[in-house]
PDB file of all heavy atoms in Angstrom:
ATOM      1  N   PRO A   1      12.137  24.139 -37.714  1.00  0.00           N
ATOM      2  CA  PRO A   1      13.155  23.041 -37.587  1.00  0.00           C
ATOM      3  C   PRO A   1      14.060  23.216 -36.314  1.00  0.00           C
ATOM      4  O   PRO A   1      14.399  22.206 -35.793  1.00  0.00           O
ATOM      5  CB  PRO A   1      13.950  23.223 -38.909  1.00  0.00           C
ATOM      6  CG  PRO A   1      13.704  24.589 -39.387  1.00  0.00           C
ATOM      7  CD  PRO A   1      12.329  24.891 -38.942  1.00  0.00           C
ATOM      8  N   ALA A   2      14.299  24.454 -36.002  1.00  0.00           N
ATOM      9  CA  ALA A   2      15.212  24.672 -34.773  1.00  0.00           C
ATOM     10  C   ALA A   2      14.395  24.248 -33.565  1.00  0.00           C
ATOM     11  O   ALA A   2      14.974  23.508 -32.707  1.00  0.00           O
ATOM     12  CB  ALA A   2      15.586  26.092 -34.699  1.00  0.00           C
ATOM     13  N   ALA A   3      13.201  24.644 -33.384  1.00  0.00           N
ATOM     14  CA  ALA A   3      12.456  24.395 -32.203  1.00  0.00           C
ATOM     15  C   ALA A   3      12.207  22.838 -32.092  1.00  0.00           C
ATOM     16  O   ALA A   3      12.331  22.290 -31.031  1.00  0.00           O
ATOM     17  CB  ALA A   3      11.062  25.161 -32.220  1.00  0.00           C
ATOM     18  N   LYS A   4      11.940  22.195 -33.158  1.00  0.00           N
ATOM     19  CA  LYS A   4      11.752  20.766 -33.208  1.00  0.00           C
ATOM     20  C   LYS A   4      13.031  20.057 -32.770  1.00  0.00           C
ATOM     21  O   LYS A   4      12.875  19.112 -31.944  1.00  0.00           O
ATOM     22  CB  LYS A   4      11.369  20.329 -34.663  1.00  0.00           C
ATOM     23  CG  LYS A   4      11.141  18.829 -34.760  1.00  0.00           C
ATOM     24  CD  LYS A   4      10.674  18.569 -36.246  1.00  0.00           C
ATOM     25  CE  LYS A   4      10.325  17.087 -36.496  1.00  0.00           C
ATOM     26  NZ  LYS A   4      11.549  16.147 -36.421  1.00  0.00           N
ATOM     27  N   ALA A   5      14.149  20.442 -33.180  1.00  0.00           N
ATOM     28  CA  ALA A   5      15.412  19.808 -32.820  1.00  0.00           C
ATOM     29  C   ALA A   5      15.656  19.812 -31.286  1.00  0.00           C
ATOM     30  O   ALA A   5      16.123  18.844 -30.735  1.00  0.00           O
ATOM     31  CB  ALA A   5      16.615  20.502 -33.548  1.00  0.00           C
ATOM     32  N   PHE A   6      15.379  20.914 -30.683  1.00  0.00           N
ATOM     33  CA  PHE A   6      15.588  21.027 -29.203  1.00  0.00           C
ATOM     34  C   PHE A   6      14.415  20.357 -28.375  1.00  0.00           C
ATOM     35  O   PHE A   6      14.700  19.697 -27.419  1.00  0.00           O
ATOM     36  CB  PHE A   6      15.735  22.549 -28.864  1.00  0.00           C
ATOM     37  CG  PHE A   6      17.054  23.059 -29.409  1.00  0.00           C
ATOM     38  CD1 PHE A   6      17.085  23.771 -30.500  1.00  0.00           C
ATOM     39  CD2 PHE A   6      18.194  22.864 -28.701  1.00  0.00           C
ATOM     40  CE1 PHE A   6      18.249  24.321 -31.014  1.00  0.00           C
ATOM     41  CE2 PHE A   6      19.452  23.361 -29.110  1.00  0.00           C
ATOM     42  CZ  PHE A   6      19.469  24.135 -30.317  1.00  0.00           C
ATOM     43  N   LEU A   7      13.143  20.643 -28.815  1.00  0.00           N
ATOM     44  CA  LEU A   7      12.052  20.001 -28.093  1.00  0.00           C
ATOM     45  C   LEU A   7      12.197  18.493 -28.029  1.00  0.00           C
ATOM     46  O   LEU A   7      11.889  17.917 -26.953  1.00  0.00           O
ATOM     47  CB  LEU A   7      10.694  20.440 -28.744  1.00  0.00           C
ATOM     48  CG  LEU A   7      10.314  21.940 -28.472  1.00  0.00           C
ATOM     49  CD1 LEU A   7       9.139  22.201 -29.417  1.00  0.00           C
ATOM     50  CD2 LEU A   7       9.909  22.170 -27.027  1.00  0.00           C
ATOM     51  N   GLU A   8      12.568  17.923 -29.094  1.00  0.00           N
ATOM     52  CA  GLU A   8      12.580  16.468 -29.198  1.00  0.00           C
ATOM     53  C   GLU A   8      13.730  15.896 -28.281  1.00  0.00           C
ATOM     54  O   GLU A   8      13.717  14.750 -27.997  1.00  0.00           O
ATOM     55  CB  GLU A   8      12.770  15.982 -30.645  1.00  0.00           C
ATOM     56  CG  GLU A   8      11.486  16.179 -31.434  1.00  0.00           C
ATOM     57  CD  GLU A   8      11.646  15.715 -32.875  1.00  0.00           C
ATOM     58  OE1 GLU A   8      12.766  15.590 -33.360  1.00  0.00           O
ATOM     59  OE2 GLU A   8      10.605  15.455 -33.504  1.00  0.00           O
ATOM     60  N   ARG A   9      14.616  16.759 -27.853  1.00  0.00           N
ATOM     61  CA  ARG A   9      15.656  16.352 -26.907  1.00  0.00           C
ATOM     62  C   ARG A   9      15.418  16.829 -25.514  1.00  0.00           C
ATOM     63  O   ARG A   9      16.255  16.781 -24.645  1.00  0.00           O
ATOM     64  CB  ARG A   9      17.041  16.831 -27.396  1.00  0.00           C
ATOM     65  CG  ARG A   9      17.542  16.224 -28.682  1.00  0.00           C
ATOM     66  CD  ARG A   9      18.761  16.898 -29.303  1.00  0.00           C
ATOM     67  NE  ARG A   9      19.335  16.079 -30.424  1.00  0.00           N
ATOM     68  CZ  ARG A   9      18.909  16.119 -31.641  1.00  0.00           C
ATOM     69  NH1 ARG A   9      17.900  16.831 -31.935  1.00  0.00           N
ATOM     70  NH2 ARG A   9      19.536  15.377 -32.551  1.00  0.00           N
ATOM     71  N   GLY A  10      14.197  17.286 -25.270  1.00  0.00           N
ATOM     72  CA  GLY A  10      13.853  17.653 -23.940  1.00  0.00           C
ATOM     73  C   GLY A  10      14.356  18.946 -23.458  1.00  0.00           C
ATOM     74  O   GLY A  10      14.351  19.242 -22.261  1.00  0.00           O
ATOM     75  N   ILE A  11      14.720  19.858 -24.378  1.00  0.00           N
ATOM     76  CA  ILE A  11      15.249  21.185 -24.050  1.00  0.00           C
ATOM     77  C   ILE A  11      14.133  22.221 -24.281  1.00  0.00           C
ATOM     78  O   ILE A  11      13.537  22.268 -25.363  1.00  0.00           O
ATOM     79  CB  ILE A  11      16.449  21.520 -24.962  1.00  0.00           C
ATOM     80  CG1 ILE A  11      17.599  20.547 -24.653  1.00  0.00           C
ATOM     81  CG2 ILE A  11      16.976  22.940 -24.708  1.00  0.00           C
ATOM     82  CD1 ILE A  11      18.810  20.625 -25.616  1.00  0.00           C
ATOM     83  N   HIS A  12      13.884  22.984 -23.285  1.00  0.00           N
ATOM     84  CA  HIS A  12      12.805  23.985 -23.340  1.00  0.00           C
ATOM     85  C   HIS A  12      13.121  25.048 -24.444  1.00  0.00           C
ATOM     86  O   HIS A  12      14.356  25.428 -24.649  1.00  0.00           O
ATOM     87  CB  HIS A  12      12.672  24.684 -21.956  1.00  0.00           C
ATOM     88  CG  HIS A  12      12.467  23.743 -20.838  1.00  0.00           C
ATOM     89  ND1 HIS A  12      11.392  22.890 -20.713  1.00  0.00           N
ATOM     90  CD2 HIS A  12      13.252  23.475 -19.745  1.00  0.00           C
ATOM     91  CE1 HIS A  12      11.454  22.140 -19.613  1.00  0.00           C
ATOM     92  NE2 HIS A  12      12.643  22.468 -19.029  1.00  0.00           N
ATOM     93  N   VAL A  13      12.101  25.544 -25.065  1.00  0.00           N
ATOM     94  CA  VAL A  13      12.266  26.471 -26.161  1.00  0.00           C
ATOM     95  C   VAL A  13      11.578  27.818 -25.833  1.00  0.00           C
ATOM     96  O   VAL A  13      10.364  27.847 -25.454  1.00  0.00           O
ATOM     97  CB  VAL A  13      11.709  25.931 -27.422  1.00  0.00           C
ATOM     98  CG1 VAL A  13      11.690  27.026 -28.544  1.00  0.00           C
ATOM     99  CG2 VAL A  13      12.539  24.754 -27.970  1.00  0.00           C
ATOM    100  N   ILE A  14      12.363  28.851 -25.993  1.00  0.00           N
ATOM    101  CA  ILE A  14      11.773  30.244 -25.935  1.00  0.00           C
ATOM    102  C   ILE A  14      11.969  30.872 -27.322  1.00  0.00           C
ATOM    103  O   ILE A  14      13.108  31.101 -27.695  1.00  0.00           O
ATOM    104  CB  ILE A  14      12.587  31.059 -24.810  1.00  0.00           C
ATOM    105  CG1 ILE A  14      12.425  30.392 -23.481  1.00  0.00           C
ATOM    106  CG2 ILE A  14      11.972  32.503 -24.786  1.00  0.00           C
ATOM    107  CD1 ILE A  14      13.327  31.034 -22.406  1.00  0.00           C
ATOM    108  N   CYS A  15      10.866  31.075 -28.035  1.00  0.00           N
ATOM    109  CA  CYS A  15      10.929  31.354 -29.395  1.00  0.00           C
ATOM    110  C   CYS A  15      10.352  32.743 -29.764  1.00  0.00           C
ATOM    111  O   CYS A  15       9.290  33.052 -29.218  1.00  0.00           O
ATOM    112  CB  CYS A  15      10.202  30.269 -30.186  1.00  0.00           C
ATOM    113  SG  CYS A  15      10.315  30.425 -32.050  1.00  0.00           S
ATOM    114  N   ASP A  16      11.054  33.430 -30.594  1.00  0.00           N
ATOM    115  CA  ASP A  16      10.509  34.676 -31.075  1.00  0.00           C
ATOM    116  C   ASP A  16       9.309  34.519 -31.975  1.00  0.00           C
ATOM    117  O   ASP A  16       9.122  33.418 -32.484  1.00  0.00           O
ATOM    118  CB  ASP A  16      11.638  35.433 -31.858  1.00  0.00           C
ATOM    119  CG  ASP A  16      11.446  37.003 -31.774  1.00  0.00           C
ATOM    120  OD1 ASP A  16      10.987  37.443 -30.772  1.00  0.00           O
ATOM    121  OD2 ASP A  16      11.811  37.658 -32.681  1.00  0.00           O
ATOM    122  N   LYS A  17       8.477  35.517 -32.046  1.00  0.00           N
ATOM    123  CA  LYS A  17       7.281  35.444 -32.933  1.00  0.00           C
ATOM    124  C   LYS A  17       7.552  35.914 -34.345  1.00  0.00           C
ATOM    125  O   LYS A  17       8.582  36.600 -34.490  1.00  0.00           O
ATOM    126  CB  LYS A  17       6.095  36.229 -32.281  1.00  0.00           C
ATOM    127  CG  LYS A  17       6.310  37.637 -31.898  1.00  0.00           C
ATOM    128  CD  LYS A  17       6.784  38.671 -32.779  1.00  0.00           C
ATOM    129  CE  LYS A  17       6.318  38.932 -34.181  1.00  0.00           C
ATOM    130  NZ  LYS A  17       7.272  39.867 -34.909  1.00  0.00           N
ATOM    131  N   PRO A  18       6.721  35.623 -35.351  1.00  0.00           N
ATOM    132  CA  PRO A  18       5.636  34.743 -35.223  1.00  0.00           C
ATOM    133  C   PRO A  18       6.127  33.300 -35.088  1.00  0.00           C
ATOM    134  O   PRO A  18       7.351  33.033 -35.263  1.00  0.00           O
ATOM    135  CB  PRO A  18       4.868  34.878 -36.617  1.00  0.00           C
ATOM    136  CG  PRO A  18       5.966  35.318 -37.553  1.00  0.00           C
ATOM    137  CD  PRO A  18       6.876  36.220 -36.648  1.00  0.00           C
ATOM    138  N   LEU A  19       5.231  32.365 -34.819  1.00  0.00           N
ATOM    139  CA  LEU A  19       5.637  31.009 -34.410  1.00  0.00           C
ATOM    140  C   LEU A  19       6.482  30.320 -35.580  1.00  0.00           C
ATOM    141  O   LEU A  19       7.534  29.787 -35.316  1.00  0.00           O
ATOM    142  CB  LEU A  19       4.398  30.157 -34.190  1.00  0.00           C
ATOM    143  CG  LEU A  19       4.595  28.688 -33.770  1.00  0.00           C
ATOM    144  CD1 LEU A  19       5.382  28.587 -32.387  1.00  0.00           C
ATOM    145  CD2 LEU A  19       3.290  27.941 -33.704  1.00  0.00           C
ATOM    146  N   THR A  20       5.985  30.461 -36.801  1.00  0.00           N
ATOM    147  CA  THR A  20       6.597  29.895 -37.945  1.00  0.00           C
ATOM    148  C   THR A  20       6.314  30.745 -39.168  1.00  0.00           C
ATOM    149  O   THR A  20       5.532  31.742 -39.071  1.00  0.00           O
ATOM    150  CB  THR A  20       6.165  28.474 -38.262  1.00  0.00           C
ATOM    151  OG1 THR A  20       4.717  28.470 -38.391  1.00  0.00           O
ATOM    152  CG2 THR A  20       6.503  27.511 -37.123  1.00  0.00           C
ATOM    153  N   SER A  21       6.818  30.405 -40.291  1.00  0.00           N
ATOM    154  CA  SER A  21       6.588  31.205 -41.559  1.00  0.00           C
ATOM    155  C   SER A  21       5.352  30.773 -42.242  1.00  0.00           C
ATOM    156  O   SER A  21       4.923  31.474 -43.171  1.00  0.00           O
ATOM    157  CB  SER A  21       7.839  31.122 -42.512  1.00  0.00           C
ATOM    158  OG  SER A  21       8.024  29.785 -42.822  1.00  0.00           O
ATOM    159  N   ASN A  22       4.745  29.659 -41.934  1.00  0.00           N
ATOM    160  CA  ASN A  22       3.482  29.194 -42.559  1.00  0.00           C
ATOM    161  C   ASN A  22       2.636  28.386 -41.629  1.00  0.00           C
ATOM    162  O   ASN A  22       3.187  27.826 -40.625  1.00  0.00           O
ATOM    163  CB  ASN A  22       3.922  28.450 -43.819  1.00  0.00           C
ATOM    164  CG  ASN A  22       4.629  27.165 -43.610  1.00  0.00           C
ATOM    165  OD1 ASN A  22       4.094  26.192 -43.124  1.00  0.00           O
ATOM    166  ND2 ASN A  22       5.979  27.227 -43.879  1.00  0.00           N
ATOM    167  N   LEU A  23       1.418  28.186 -41.917  1.00  0.00           N
ATOM    168  CA  LEU A  23       0.507  27.533 -41.034  1.00  0.00           C
ATOM    169  C   LEU A  23       0.765  26.033 -40.944  1.00  0.00           C
ATOM    170  O   LEU A  23       0.539  25.475 -39.865  1.00  0.00           O
ATOM    171  CB  LEU A  23      -0.945  27.823 -41.541  1.00  0.00           C
ATOM    172  CG  LEU A  23      -2.114  27.367 -40.606  1.00  0.00           C
ATOM    173  CD1 LEU A  23      -1.965  27.963 -39.157  1.00  0.00           C
ATOM    174  CD2 LEU A  23      -3.458  27.751 -41.155  1.00  0.00           C
ATOM    175  N   GLU A  24       1.231  25.475 -41.999  1.00  0.00           N
ATOM    176  CA  GLU A  24       1.537  24.016 -41.872  1.00  0.00           C
ATOM    177  C   GLU A  24       2.605  23.729 -40.901  1.00  0.00           C
ATOM    178  O   GLU A  24       2.427  22.774 -40.128  1.00  0.00           O
ATOM    179  CB  GLU A  24       1.981  23.527 -43.341  1.00  0.00           C
ATOM    180  CG  GLU A  24       2.281  21.995 -43.370  1.00  0.00           C
ATOM    181  CD  GLU A  24       2.812  21.633 -44.790  1.00  0.00           C
ATOM    182  OE1 GLU A  24       2.834  22.417 -45.715  1.00  0.00           O
ATOM    183  OE2 GLU A  24       3.159  20.363 -44.806  1.00  0.00           O
ATOM    184  N   ASP A  25       3.629  24.481 -40.968  1.00  0.00           N
ATOM    185  CA  ASP A  25       4.822  24.309 -39.992  1.00  0.00           C
ATOM    186  C   ASP A  25       4.284  24.721 -38.555  1.00  0.00           C
ATOM    187  O   ASP A  25       4.699  23.982 -37.591  1.00  0.00           O
ATOM    188  CB  ASP A  25       5.936  25.221 -40.352  1.00  0.00           C
ATOM    189  CG  ASP A  25       6.801  24.629 -41.403  1.00  0.00           C
ATOM    190  OD1 ASP A  25       6.556  23.498 -41.845  1.00  0.00           O
ATOM    191  OD2 ASP A  25       7.704  25.310 -41.869  1.00  0.00           O
ATOM    192  N   ALA A  26       3.421  25.676 -38.435  1.00  0.00           N
ATOM    193  CA  ALA A  26       2.874  26.002 -37.093  1.00  0.00           C
ATOM    194  C   ALA A  26       2.049  24.852 -36.531  1.00  0.00           C
ATOM    195  O   ALA A  26       2.272  24.502 -35.301  1.00  0.00           O
ATOM    196  CB  ALA A  26       1.947  27.247 -37.234  1.00  0.00           C
ATOM    197  N   LYS A  27       1.296  24.190 -37.295  1.00  0.00           N
ATOM    198  CA  LYS A  27       0.557  23.021 -36.766  1.00  0.00           C
ATOM    199  C   LYS A  27       1.451  21.864 -36.472  1.00  0.00           C
ATOM    200  O   LYS A  27       1.224  21.128 -35.405  1.00  0.00           O
ATOM    201  CB  LYS A  27      -0.526  22.634 -37.820  1.00  0.00           C
ATOM    202  CG  LYS A  27      -1.586  23.642 -37.947  1.00  0.00           C
ATOM    203  CD  LYS A  27      -2.642  23.270 -39.002  1.00  0.00           C
ATOM    204  CE  LYS A  27      -3.763  24.235 -39.121  1.00  0.00           C
ATOM    205  NZ  LYS A  27      -4.735  23.856 -40.165  1.00  0.00           N
ATOM    206  N   LYS A  28       2.484  21.617 -37.296  1.00  0.00           N
ATOM    207  CA  LYS A  28       3.403  20.549 -36.962  1.00  0.00           C
ATOM    208  C   LYS A  28       4.207  20.872 -35.693  1.00  0.00           C
ATOM    209  O   LYS A  28       4.493  19.954 -34.942  1.00  0.00           O
ATOM    210  CB  LYS A  28       4.356  20.353 -38.158  1.00  0.00           C
ATOM    211  CG  LYS A  28       3.728  19.784 -39.403  1.00  0.00           C
ATOM    212  CD  LYS A  28       4.727  19.314 -40.481  1.00  0.00           C
ATOM    213  CE  LYS A  28       5.467  20.521 -41.054  1.00  0.00           C
ATOM    214  NZ  LYS A  28       6.411  20.058 -42.151  1.00  0.00           N
ATOM    215  N   LEU A  29       4.618  22.130 -35.538  1.00  0.00           N
ATOM    216  CA  LEU A  29       5.349  22.508 -34.354  1.00  0.00           C
ATOM    217  C   LEU A  29       4.458  22.330 -33.062  1.00  0.00           C
ATOM    218  O   LEU A  29       4.968  21.868 -32.005  1.00  0.00           O
ATOM    219  CB  LEU A  29       5.849  23.920 -34.429  1.00  0.00           C
ATOM    220  CG  LEU A  29       6.694  24.422 -33.275  1.00  0.00           C
ATOM    221  CD1 LEU A  29       7.788  23.500 -32.887  1.00  0.00           C
ATOM    222  CD2 LEU A  29       7.202  25.856 -33.571  1.00  0.00           C
ATOM    223  N   LYS A  30       3.211  22.694 -33.206  1.00  0.00           N
ATOM    224  CA  LYS A  30       2.315  22.425 -32.079  1.00  0.00           C
ATOM    225  C   LYS A  30       2.284  20.977 -31.654  1.00  0.00           C
ATOM    226  O   LYS A  30       2.255  20.559 -30.489  1.00  0.00           O
ATOM    227  CB  LYS A  30       0.930  22.907 -32.352  1.00  0.00           C
ATOM    228  CG  LYS A  30      -0.112  22.581 -31.274  1.00  0.00           C
ATOM    229  CD  LYS A  30      -1.514  23.055 -31.526  1.00  0.00           C
ATOM    230  CE  LYS A  30      -2.559  22.322 -30.697  1.00  0.00           C
ATOM    231  NZ  LYS A  30      -2.210  22.318 -29.236  1.00  0.00           N
ATOM    232  N   ASP A  31       2.262  20.052 -32.668  1.00  0.00           N
ATOM    233  CA  ASP A  31       2.210  18.631 -32.403  1.00  0.00           C
ATOM    234  C   ASP A  31       3.488  18.229 -31.739  1.00  0.00           C
ATOM    235  O   ASP A  31       3.430  17.382 -30.767  1.00  0.00           O
ATOM    236  CB  ASP A  31       2.008  17.889 -33.752  1.00  0.00           C
ATOM    237  CG  ASP A  31       1.862  16.397 -33.581  1.00  0.00           C
ATOM    238  OD1 ASP A  31       0.949  16.002 -32.853  1.00  0.00           O
ATOM    239  OD2 ASP A  31       2.638  15.638 -34.136  1.00  0.00           O
ATOM    240  N   VAL A  32       4.604  18.755 -32.186  1.00  0.00           N
ATOM    241  CA  VAL A  32       5.865  18.378 -31.516  1.00  0.00           C
ATOM    242  C   VAL A  32       5.901  18.829 -30.075  1.00  0.00           C
ATOM    243  O   VAL A  32       6.334  18.153 -29.153  1.00  0.00           O
ATOM    244  CB  VAL A  32       7.075  18.973 -32.357  1.00  0.00           C
ATOM    245  CG1 VAL A  32       8.366  18.795 -31.554  1.00  0.00           C
ATOM    246  CG2 VAL A  32       7.181  18.341 -33.702  1.00  0.00           C
ATOM    247  N   ALA A  33       5.485  20.143 -29.893  1.00  0.00           N
ATOM    248  CA  ALA A  33       5.499  20.756 -28.537  1.00  0.00           C
ATOM    249  C   ALA A  33       4.576  20.030 -27.578  1.00  0.00           C
ATOM    250  O   ALA A  33       4.923  19.806 -26.446  1.00  0.00           O
ATOM    251  CB  ALA A  33       5.105  22.234 -28.666  1.00  0.00           C
ATOM    252  N   ASP A  34       3.450  19.614 -28.120  1.00  0.00           N
ATOM    253  CA  ASP A  34       2.461  18.928 -27.252  1.00  0.00           C
ATOM    254  C   ASP A  34       2.979  17.573 -26.761  1.00  0.00           C
ATOM    255  O   ASP A  34       2.665  17.080 -25.666  1.00  0.00           O
ATOM    256  CB  ASP A  34       1.105  18.704 -27.994  1.00  0.00           C
ATOM    257  CG  ASP A  34       0.330  20.027 -28.154  1.00  0.00           C
ATOM    258  OD1 ASP A  34       0.687  20.996 -27.476  1.00  0.00           O
ATOM    259  OD2 ASP A  34      -0.642  20.027 -28.938  1.00  0.00           O
ATOM    260  N   LYS A  35       3.803  16.921 -27.581  1.00  0.00           N
ATOM    261  CA  LYS A  35       4.369  15.609 -27.283  1.00  0.00           C
ATOM    262  C   LYS A  35       5.666  15.688 -26.475  1.00  0.00           C
ATOM    263  O   LYS A  35       6.028  14.689 -25.905  1.00  0.00           O
ATOM    264  CB  LYS A  35       4.495  14.797 -28.562  1.00  0.00           C
ATOM    265  CG  LYS A  35       3.287  14.497 -29.278  1.00  0.00           C
ATOM    266  CD  LYS A  35       3.519  13.717 -30.569  1.00  0.00           C
ATOM    267  CE  LYS A  35       2.274  13.398 -31.343  1.00  0.00           C
ATOM    268  NZ  LYS A  35       2.526  12.770 -32.700  1.00  0.00           N
ATOM    269  N   ALA A  36       6.317  16.757 -26.515  1.00  0.00           N
ATOM    270  CA  ALA A  36       7.708  16.928 -25.868  1.00  0.00           C
ATOM    271  C   ALA A  36       7.647  16.964 -24.423  1.00  0.00           C
ATOM    272  O   ALA A  36       6.702  17.523 -23.797  1.00  0.00           O
ATOM    273  CB  ALA A  36       8.297  18.171 -26.541  1.00  0.00           C
ATOM    274  N   ASP A  37       8.711  16.484 -23.831  1.00  0.00           N
ATOM    275  CA  ASP A  37       8.909  16.702 -22.321  1.00  0.00           C
ATOM    276  C   ASP A  37       9.655  17.972 -22.123  1.00  0.00           C
ATOM    277  O   ASP A  37      10.775  17.945 -21.548  1.00  0.00           O
ATOM    278  CB  ASP A  37       9.636  15.475 -21.775  1.00  0.00           C
ATOM    279  CG  ASP A  37       9.814  15.490 -20.320  1.00  0.00           C
ATOM    280  OD1 ASP A  37       8.965  16.165 -19.698  1.00  0.00           O
ATOM    281  OD2 ASP A  37      10.756  14.945 -19.775  1.00  0.00           O
ATOM    282  N   ALA A  38       9.169  19.046 -22.606  1.00  0.00           N
ATOM    283  CA  ALA A  38       9.817  20.366 -22.520  1.00  0.00           C
ATOM    284  C   ALA A  38       8.729  21.413 -22.728  1.00  0.00           C
ATOM    285  O   ALA A  38       7.710  21.156 -23.392  1.00  0.00           O
ATOM    286  CB  ALA A  38      10.942  20.481 -23.551  1.00  0.00           C
ATOM    287  N   LEU A  39       9.013  22.594 -22.217  1.00  0.00           N
ATOM    288  CA  LEU A  39       8.047  23.702 -22.415  1.00  0.00           C
ATOM    289  C   LEU A  39       8.351  24.491 -23.652  1.00  0.00           C
ATOM    290  O   LEU A  39       9.519  24.553 -24.155  1.00  0.00           O
ATOM    291  CB  LEU A  39       8.172  24.566 -21.155  1.00  0.00           C
ATOM    292  CG  LEU A  39       7.878  23.990 -19.837  1.00  0.00           C
ATOM    293  CD1 LEU A  39       8.320  24.939 -18.686  1.00  0.00           C
ATOM    294  CD2 LEU A  39       6.422  23.621 -19.718  1.00  0.00           C
ATOM    295  N   PHE A  40       7.327  25.155 -24.156  1.00  0.00           N
ATOM    296  CA  PHE A  40       7.476  26.078 -25.307  1.00  0.00           C
ATOM    297  C   PHE A  40       6.845  27.447 -24.930  1.00  0.00           C
ATOM    298  O   PHE A  40       5.734  27.541 -24.583  1.00  0.00           O
ATOM    299  CB  PHE A  40       6.753  25.497 -26.498  1.00  0.00           C
ATOM    300  CG  PHE A  40       7.008  26.375 -27.808  1.00  0.00           C
ATOM    301  CD1 PHE A  40       8.000  26.009 -28.671  1.00  0.00           C
ATOM    302  CD2 PHE A  40       6.264  27.526 -28.007  1.00  0.00           C
ATOM    303  CE1 PHE A  40       8.250  26.833 -29.769  1.00  0.00           C
ATOM    304  CE2 PHE A  40       6.538  28.308 -29.084  1.00  0.00           C
ATOM    305  CZ  PHE A  40       7.487  27.940 -29.964  1.00  0.00           C
ATOM    306  N   ILE A  41       7.755  28.448 -25.059  1.00  0.00           N
ATOM    307  CA  ILE A  41       7.294  29.811 -24.653  1.00  0.00           C
ATOM    308  C   ILE A  41       7.518  30.649 -25.895  1.00  0.00           C
ATOM    309  O   ILE A  41       8.524  30.669 -26.532  1.00  0.00           O
ATOM    310  CB  ILE A  41       8.111  30.316 -23.517  1.00  0.00           C
ATOM    311  CG1 ILE A  41       7.863  29.579 -22.264  1.00  0.00           C
ATOM    312  CG2 ILE A  41       7.810  31.912 -23.237  1.00  0.00           C
ATOM    313  CD1 ILE A  41       8.856  28.387 -22.031  1.00  0.00           C
TER     314      ILE A  41
END
């Protein structure tokens, strides 16, 4: 939820691992990151 909030506003995200707590959220976050005008590290 945190990464989504910033990516959708065009703010680059540098996130600690693991990506998320479950695979469903991981796939949703990838979808958000792929569409965002921001980088994900």
